[in-house]
């Protein structure tokens, strides 16, 4: 069960073993500002949010982590 309070009297809950991330969570994962995470979330190749509550969009953490992994440069092999 995933749940969170948005501070607006709304509680988000989903019956799943999957974590849901806000743009704030994405920003922390990437080490960028929330505004930059919001900009990235509008890219056509960014995962589609799985839920929207008012103006809060939520993504599966695994979808975002997969997107990040695809975009990271390959490690330098030292040659």
PDB file of N, CA and C in Angstrom:
ATOM      1  N   UNK A   1       0.856  -1.175   0.000  1.00  0.00           N
ATOM      2  CA  UNK A   1       0.000   0.000   0.000  1.00  0.00           C
ATOM      3  C   UNK A   1       0.893   1.226   0.000  1.00  0.00           C
ATOM      4  N   UNK A   2       0.624   2.129  -0.872  1.00  0.00           N
ATOM      5  CA  UNK A   2       1.339   3.393  -0.949  1.00  0.00           C
ATOM      6  C   UNK A   2       0.358   4.474  -0.583  1.00  0.00           C
ATOM      7  N   UNK A   3       0.762   5.393   0.245  1.00  0.00           N
ATOM      8  CA  UNK A   3      -0.143   6.482   0.594  1.00  0.00           C
ATOM      9  C   UNK A   3       0.638   7.734   0.898  1.00  0.00           C
ATOM     10  N   UNK A   4      -0.010   8.857   0.768  1.00  0.00           N
ATOM     11  CA  UNK A   4       0.641  10.117   1.078  1.00  0.00           C
ATOM     12  C   UNK A   4      -0.393  11.201   1.221  1.00  0.00           C
ATOM     13  N   UNK A   5      -0.083  12.179   2.024  1.00  0.00           N
ATOM     14  CA  UNK A   5      -0.982  13.309   2.209  1.00  0.00           C
ATOM     15  C   UNK A   5      -0.422  14.488   1.442  1.00  0.00           C
ATOM     16  N   UNK A   6      -1.222  15.110   0.638  1.00  0.00           N
ATOM     17  CA  UNK A   6      -0.774  16.229  -0.176  1.00  0.00           C
ATOM     18  C   UNK A   6      -0.920  17.562   0.541  1.00  0.00           C
ATOM     19  N   UNK A   7      -1.369  17.568   1.784  1.00  0.00           N
ATOM     20  CA  UNK A   7      -1.515  18.810   2.520  1.00  0.00           C
ATOM     21  C   UNK A   7      -2.723  19.625   2.094  1.00  0.00           C
ATOM     22  N   UNK A   8      -3.587  19.050   1.292  1.00  0.00           N
ATOM     23  CA  UNK A   8      -4.775  19.753   0.818  1.00  0.00           C
ATOM     24  C   UNK A   8      -6.045  19.026   1.240  1.00  0.00           C
ATOM     25  N   UNK A   9      -5.906  18.139   2.201  1.00  0.00           N
ATOM     26  CA  UNK A   9      -7.058  17.364   2.613  1.00  0.00           C
ATOM     27  C   UNK A   9      -7.302  16.150   1.743  1.00  0.00           C
ATOM     28  N   UNK A  10      -6.388  15.865   0.825  1.00  0.00           N
ATOM     29  CA  UNK A  10      -6.506  14.705  -0.051  1.00  0.00           C
ATOM     30  C   UNK A  10      -5.452  13.691   0.349  1.00  0.00           C
ATOM     31  N   UNK A  11      -5.814  12.454   0.316  1.00  0.00           N
ATOM     32  CA  UNK A  11      -4.868  11.378   0.545  1.00  0.00           C
ATOM     33  C   UNK A  11      -4.855  10.517  -0.702  1.00  0.00           C
ATOM     34  N   UNK A  12      -3.665  10.191  -1.137  1.00  0.00           N
ATOM     35  CA  UNK A  12      -3.512   9.325  -2.301  1.00  0.00           C
ATOM     36  C   UNK A  12      -3.149   7.946  -1.786  1.00  0.00           C
ATOM     37  N   UNK A  13      -3.863   6.964  -2.235  1.00  0.00           N
ATOM     38  CA  UNK A  13      -3.569   5.600  -1.841  1.00  0.00           C
ATOM     39  C   UNK A  13      -3.754   4.705  -3.047  1.00  0.00           C
ATOM     40  N   UNK A  14      -2.862   3.763  -3.185  1.00  0.00           N
ATOM     41  CA  UNK A  14      -2.962   2.789  -4.260  1.00  0.00           C
ATOM     42  C   UNK A  14      -2.611   1.432  -3.676  1.00  0.00           C
ATOM     43  N   UNK A  15      -3.350   0.431  -4.032  1.00  0.00           N
ATOM     44  CA  UNK A  15      -3.055  -0.907  -3.561  1.00  0.00           C
ATOM     45  C   UNK A  15      -2.079  -1.513  -4.552  1.00  0.00           C
ATOM     46  N   UNK A  16      -0.827  -1.438  -4.170  1.00  0.00           N
ATOM     47  CA  UNK A  16       0.241  -1.907  -5.041  1.00  0.00           C
ATOM     48  C   UNK A  16       1.517  -2.023  -4.229  1.00  0.00           C
ATOM     49  N   UNK A  17       2.452  -2.784  -4.723  1.00  0.00           N
ATOM     50  CA  UNK A  17       3.770  -2.861  -4.103  1.00  0.00           C
ATOM     51  C   UNK A  17       4.701  -1.828  -4.718  1.00  0.00           C
ATOM     52  N   UNK A  18       4.208  -1.080  -5.655  1.00  0.00           N
ATOM     53  CA  UNK A  18       4.992  -0.113  -6.419  1.00  0.00           C
ATOM     54  C   UNK A  18       4.951   1.261  -5.765  1.00  0.00           C
ATOM     55  N   UNK A  19       6.095   1.909  -5.677  1.00  0.00           N
ATOM     56  CA  UNK A  19       6.148   3.283  -5.171  1.00  0.00           C
ATOM     57  C   UNK A  19       5.681   4.240  -6.251  1.00  0.00           C
ATOM     58  N   UNK A  20       4.995   5.289  -5.832  1.00  0.00           N
ATOM     59  CA  UNK A  20       4.578   6.354  -6.735  1.00  0.00           C
ATOM     60  C   UNK A  20       5.374   7.601  -6.390  1.00  0.00           C
ATOM     61  N   UNK A  21       5.858   8.292  -7.415  1.00  0.00           N
ATOM     62  CA  UNK A  21       6.696   9.478  -7.223  1.00  0.00           C
ATOM     63  C   UNK A  21       6.005  10.722  -7.744  1.00  0.00           C
ATOM     64  N   UNK A  22       6.213  11.809  -7.026  1.00  0.00           N
ATOM     65  CA  UNK A  22       5.811  13.144  -7.467  1.00  0.00           C
ATOM     66  C   UNK A  22       6.996  13.774  -8.192  1.00  0.00           C
ATOM     67  N   UNK A  23       6.808  14.972  -8.735  1.00  0.00           N
ATOM     68  CA  UNK A  23       7.947  15.671  -9.341  1.00  0.00           C
ATOM     69  C   UNK A  23       9.007  15.970  -8.290  1.00  0.00           C
ATOM     70  N   UNK A  24       8.599  16.180  -7.045  1.00  0.00           N
ATOM     71  CA  UNK A  24       9.573  16.394  -5.971  1.00  0.00           C
ATOM     72  C   UNK A  24      10.452  15.175  -5.758  1.00  0.00           C
ATOM     73  N   UNK A  25       9.855  13.988  -5.797  1.00  0.00           N
ATOM     74  CA  UNK A  25      10.620  12.745  -5.662  1.00  0.00           C
ATOM     75  C   UNK A  25      11.575  12.566  -6.839  1.00  0.00           C
ATOM     76  N   UNK A  26      11.094  12.875  -8.025  1.00  0.00           N
ATOM     77  CA  UNK A  26      11.928  12.766  -9.228  1.00  0.00           C
ATOM     78  C   UNK A  26      13.100  13.735  -9.132  1.00  0.00           C
ATOM     79  N   UNK A  27      12.827  14.950  -8.663  1.00  0.00           N
ATOM     80  CA  UNK A  27      13.886  15.950  -8.500  1.00  0.00           C
ATOM     81  C   UNK A  27      14.969  15.440  -7.554  1.00  0.00           C
ATOM     82  N   UNK A  28      14.561  14.852  -6.432  1.00  0.00           N
ATOM     83  CA  UNK A  28      15.536  14.315  -5.472  1.00  0.00           C
ATOM     84  C   UNK A  28      16.373  13.212  -6.101  1.00  0.00           C
ATOM     85  N   UNK A  29      15.722  12.332  -6.836  1.00  0.00           N
ATOM     86  CA  UNK A  29      16.432  11.218  -7.477  1.00  0.00           C
ATOM     87  C   UNK A  29      17.470  11.721  -8.475  1.00  0.00           C
ATOM     88  N   UNK A  30      17.122  12.769  -9.210  1.00  0.00           N
ATOM     89  CA  UNK A  30      18.015  13.304 -10.241  1.00  0.00           C
ATOM     90  C   UNK A  30      18.991  14.349  -9.711  1.00  0.00           C
ATOM     91  N   UNK A  31      18.729  14.873  -8.516  1.00  0.00           N
ATOM     92  CA  UNK A  31      19.580  15.934  -7.979  1.00  0.00           C
ATOM     93  C   UNK A  31      19.370  17.259  -8.687  1.00  0.00           C
ATOM     94  N   UNK A  32      18.122  17.517  -9.073  1.00  0.00           N
ATOM     95  CA  UNK A  32      17.773  18.762  -9.767  1.00  0.00           C
ATOM     96  C   UNK A  32      16.645  19.448  -9.002  1.00  0.00           C
ATOM     97  N   UNK A  33      16.281  20.647  -9.438  1.00  0.00           N
ATOM     98  CA  UNK A  33      15.169  21.357  -8.813  1.00  0.00           C
ATOM     99  C   UNK A  33      13.842  20.714  -9.223  1.00  0.00           C
ATOM    100  N   UNK A  34      12.824  20.999  -8.443  1.00  0.00           N
ATOM    101  CA  UNK A  34      11.485  20.514  -8.780  1.00  0.00           C
ATOM    102  C   UNK A  34      11.031  21.083 -10.119  1.00  0.00           C
ATOM    103  N   UNK A  35      11.381  22.331 -10.383  1.00  0.00           N
ATOM    104  CA  UNK A  35      11.015  22.950 -11.668  1.00  0.00           C
ATOM    105  C   UNK A  35      11.657  22.197 -12.828  1.00  0.00           C
ATOM    106  N   UNK A  36      12.937  21.814 -12.677  1.00  0.00           N
ATOM    107  CA  UNK A  36      13.615  21.067 -13.744  1.00  0.00           C
ATOM    108  C   UNK A  36      12.967  19.691 -13.921  1.00  0.00           C
ATOM    109  N   UNK A  37      12.607  19.050 -12.820  1.00  0.00           N
ATOM    110  CA  UNK A  37      11.928  17.751 -12.911  1.00  0.00           C
ATOM    111  C   UNK A  37      10.592  17.900 -13.631  1.00  0.00           C
ATOM    112  N   UNK A  38       9.873  18.983 -13.351  1.00  0.00           N
ATOM    113  CA  UNK A  38       8.604  19.238 -14.035  1.00  0.00           C
ATOM    114  C   UNK A  38       8.836  19.396 -15.531  1.00  0.00           C
ATOM    115  N   UNK A  39       9.889  20.145 -15.898  1.00  0.00           N
ATOM    116  CA  UNK A  39      10.208  20.328 -17.319  1.00  0.00           C
ATOM    117  C   UNK A  39      10.509  18.987 -17.979  1.00  0.00           C
ATOM    118  N   UNK A  40      11.315  18.172 -17.322  1.00  0.00           N
ATOM    119  CA  UNK A  40      11.651  16.862 -17.880  1.00  0.00           C
ATOM    120  C   UNK A  40      10.409  15.986 -18.034  1.00  0.00           C
ATOM    121  N   UNK A  41       9.473  16.113 -17.104  1.00  0.00           N
ATOM    122  CA  UNK A  41       8.269  15.276 -17.148  1.00  0.00           C
ATOM    123  C   UNK A  41       7.377  15.592 -18.340  1.00  0.00           C
ATOM    124  N   UNK A  42       7.610  16.725 -18.975  1.00  0.00           N
ATOM    125  CA  UNK A  42       6.826  17.096 -20.158  1.00  0.00           C
ATOM    126  C   UNK A  42       7.483  16.637 -21.462  1.00  0.00           C
ATOM    127  N   UNK A  43       8.660  16.028 -21.360  1.00  0.00           N
ATOM    128  CA  UNK A  43       9.314  15.503 -22.567  1.00  0.00           C
ATOM    129  C   UNK A  43       8.474  14.364 -23.140  1.00  0.00           C
ATOM    130  N   UNK A  44       8.451  14.247 -24.468  1.00  0.00           N
ATOM    131  CA  UNK A  44       7.637  13.178 -25.074  1.00  0.00           C
ATOM    132  C   UNK A  44       8.102  11.770 -24.702  1.00  0.00           C
ATOM    133  N   UNK A  45       9.389  11.615 -24.356  1.00  0.00           N
ATOM    134  CA  UNK A  45       9.894  10.282 -24.026  1.00  0.00           C
ATOM    135  C   UNK A  45       9.802   9.961 -22.530  1.00  0.00           C
ATOM    136  N   UNK A  46       9.283  10.896 -21.729  1.00  0.00           N
ATOM    137  CA  UNK A  46       9.156  10.664 -20.288  1.00  0.00           C
ATOM    138  C   UNK A  46       7.947   9.762 -20.039  1.00  0.00           C
ATOM    139  N   UNK A  47       8.019   8.905 -19.011  1.00  0.00           N
ATOM    140  CA  UNK A  47       6.867   8.034 -18.724  1.00  0.00           C
ATOM    141  C   UNK A  47       5.577   8.827 -18.485  1.00  0.00           C
ATOM    142  N   UNK A  48       4.483   8.208 -18.817  1.00  0.00           N
ATOM    143  CA  UNK A  48       3.165   8.810 -18.612  1.00  0.00           C
ATOM    144  C   UNK A  48       2.798   8.660 -17.134  1.00  0.00           C
ATOM    145  N   UNK A  49       2.263   9.710 -16.513  1.00  0.00           N
ATOM    146  CA  UNK A  49       1.822   9.569 -15.118  1.00  0.00           C
ATOM    147  C   UNK A  49       0.732   8.505 -15.008  1.00  0.00           C
ATOM    148  N   UNK A  50       0.735   7.787 -13.903  1.00  0.00           N
ATOM    149  CA  UNK A  50      -0.276   6.746 -13.703  1.00  0.00           C
ATOM    150  C   UNK A  50      -1.490   7.279 -12.963  1.00  0.00           C
ATOM    151  N   UNK A  51      -1.338   8.438 -12.335  1.00  0.00           N
ATOM    152  CA  UNK A  51      -2.456   9.012 -11.596  1.00  0.00           C
ATOM    153  C   UNK A  51      -2.265  10.522 -11.511  1.00  0.00           C
ATOM    154  N   UNK A  52      -3.369  11.258 -11.541  1.00  0.00           N
ATOM    155  CA  UNK A  52      -3.346  12.704 -11.346  1.00  0.00           C
ATOM    156  C   UNK A  52      -4.418  13.063 -10.331  1.00  0.00           C
ATOM    157  N   UNK A  53      -4.024  13.804  -9.314  1.00  0.00           N
ATOM    158  CA  UNK A  53      -4.957  14.298  -8.306  1.00  0.00           C
ATOM    159  C   UNK A  53      -4.772  15.802  -8.251  1.00  0.00           C
ATOM    160  N   UNK A  54      -5.814  16.515  -8.673  1.00  0.00           N
ATOM    161  CA  UNK A  54      -5.739  17.968  -8.845  1.00  0.00           C
ATOM    162  C   UNK A  54      -4.565  18.265  -9.767  1.00  0.00           C
ATOM    163  N   UNK A  55      -3.571  18.999  -9.309  1.00  0.00           N
ATOM    164  CA  UNK A  55      -2.426  19.283 -10.185  1.00  0.00           C
ATOM    165  C   UNK A  55      -1.217  18.415  -9.845  1.00  0.00           C
ATOM    166  N   UNK A  56      -1.391  17.404  -9.008  1.00  0.00           N
ATOM    167  CA  UNK A  56      -0.307  16.492  -8.661  1.00  0.00           C
ATOM    168  C   UNK A  56      -0.333  15.293  -9.599  1.00  0.00           C
ATOM    169  N   UNK A  57       0.762  15.103 -10.317  1.00  0.00           N
ATOM    170  CA  UNK A  57       0.894  13.939 -11.187  1.00  0.00           C
ATOM    171  C   UNK A  57       1.795  12.932 -10.485  1.00  0.00           C
ATOM    172  N   UNK A  58       1.478  11.668 -10.633  1.00  0.00           N
ATOM    173  CA  UNK A  58       2.230  10.601  -9.981  1.00  0.00           C
ATOM    174  C   UNK A  58       2.691   9.590 -11.014  1.00  0.00           C
ATOM    175  N   UNK A  59       3.943   9.162 -10.867  1.00  0.00           N
ATOM    176  CA  UNK A  59       4.553   8.191 -11.770  1.00  0.00           C
ATOM    177  C   UNK A  59       4.984   6.975 -10.974  1.00  0.00           C
ATOM    178  N   UNK A  60       4.998   5.824 -11.635  1.00  0.00           N
ATOM    179  CA  UNK A  60       5.600   4.639 -11.024  1.00  0.00           C
ATOM    180  C   UNK A  60       7.101   4.895 -10.915  1.00  0.00           C
ATOM    181  N   UNK A  61       7.631   4.669  -9.731  1.00  0.00           N
ATOM    182  CA  UNK A  61       9.064   4.877  -9.517  1.00  0.00           C
ATOM    183  C   UNK A  61       9.881   4.035 -10.496  1.00  0.00           C
ATOM    184  N   UNK A  62       9.458   2.805 -10.737  1.00  0.00           N
ATOM    185  CA  UNK A  62      10.216   1.926 -11.636  1.00  0.00           C
ATOM    186  C   UNK A  62      10.231   2.461 -13.067  1.00  0.00           C
ATOM    187  N   UNK A  63       9.138   3.080 -13.514  1.00  0.00           N
ATOM    188  CA  UNK A  63       9.105   3.671 -14.860  1.00  0.00           C
ATOM    189  C   UNK A  63      10.104   4.815 -14.968  1.00  0.00           C
ATOM    190  N   UNK A  64      10.139   5.655 -13.934  1.00  0.00           N
ATOM    191  CA  UNK A  64      11.056   6.800 -13.948  1.00  0.00           C
ATOM    192  C   UNK A  64      12.501   6.318 -13.847  1.00  0.00           C
ATOM    193  N   UNK A  65      12.764   5.343 -12.985  1.00  0.00           N
ATOM    194  CA  UNK A  65      14.124   4.822 -12.847  1.00  0.00           C
ATOM    195  C   UNK A  65      14.605   4.193 -14.151  1.00  0.00           C
ATOM    196  N   UNK A  66      13.711   3.512 -14.844  1.00  0.00           N
ATOM    197  CA  UNK A  66      14.064   2.930 -16.146  1.00  0.00           C
ATOM    198  C   UNK A  66      14.380   4.035 -17.153  1.00  0.00           C
ATOM    199  N   UNK A  67      13.588   5.102 -17.161  1.00  0.00           N
ATOM    200  CA  UNK A  67      13.822   6.241 -18.055  1.00  0.00           C
ATOM    201  C   UNK A  67      15.180   6.861 -17.759  1.00  0.00           C
ATOM    202  N   UNK A  68      15.497   7.027 -16.483  1.00  0.00           N
ATOM    203  CA  UNK A  68      16.791   7.593 -16.089  1.00  0.00           C
ATOM    204  C   UNK A  68      17.921   6.692 -16.576  1.00  0.00           C
ATOM    205  N   UNK A  69      17.790   5.393 -16.368  1.00  0.00           N
ATOM    206  CA  UNK A  69      18.838   4.446 -16.770  1.00  0.00           C
ATOM    207  C   UNK A  69      19.079   4.476 -18.277  1.00  0.00           C
ATOM    208  N   UNK A  70      18.014   4.614 -19.067  1.00  0.00           N
ATOM    209  CA  UNK A  70      18.167   4.669 -20.531  1.00  0.00           C
ATOM    210  C   UNK A  70      18.891   5.931 -20.974  1.00  0.00           C
ATOM    211  N   UNK A  71      18.777   6.990 -20.219  1.00  0.00           N
ATOM    212  CA  UNK A  71      19.336   8.279 -20.625  1.00  0.00           C
ATOM    213  C   UNK A  71      20.742   8.517 -20.085  1.00  0.00           C
ATOM    214  N   UNK A  72      21.165   7.744 -19.103  1.00  0.00           N
ATOM    215  CA  UNK A  72      22.504   7.927 -18.536  1.00  0.00           C
ATOM    216  C   UNK A  72      23.537   7.437 -19.533  1.00  0.00           C
ATOM    217  N   UNK A  73      24.648   8.171 -19.637  1.00  0.00           N
ATOM    218  CA  UNK A  73      25.703   7.715 -20.546  1.00  0.00           C
ATOM    219  C   UNK A  73      26.323   6.412 -20.046  1.00  0.00           C
ATOM    220  N   UNK A  74      26.793   5.618 -20.981  1.00  0.00           N
ATOM    221  CA  UNK A  74      27.469   4.373 -20.627  1.00  0.00           C
ATOM    222  C   UNK A  74      28.770   4.703 -19.901  1.00  0.00           C
ATOM    223  N   UNK A  75      29.179   3.852 -18.953  1.00  0.00           N
ATOM    224  CA  UNK A  75      30.439   4.107 -18.250  1.00  0.00           C
ATOM    225  C   UNK A  75      31.612   4.097 -19.220  1.00  0.00           C
ATOM    226  N   UNK A  76      32.574   4.932 -18.951  1.00  0.00           N
ATOM    227  CA  UNK A  76      33.786   5.006 -19.773  1.00  0.00           C
ATOM    228  C   UNK A  76      34.595   3.736 -19.545  1.00  0.00           C
ATOM    229  N   UNK A  77      34.990   3.065 -20.628  1.00  0.00           N
ATOM    230  CA  UNK A  77      35.748   1.818 -20.481  1.00  0.00           C
ATOM    231  C   UNK A  77      37.242   2.063 -20.300  1.00  0.00           C
ATOM    232  N   UNK A  78      37.652   3.324 -20.231  1.00  0.00           N
ATOM    233  CA  UNK A  78      39.044   3.650 -19.962  1.00  0.00           C
ATOM    234  C   UNK A  78      39.939   3.659 -21.186  1.00  0.00           C
ATOM    235  N   UNK A  79      39.369   3.533 -22.377  1.00  0.00           N
ATOM    236  CA  UNK A  79      40.217   3.544 -23.581  1.00  0.00           C
ATOM    237  C   UNK A  79      40.130   4.863 -24.285  1.00  0.00           C
TER     238      UNK A  79
END
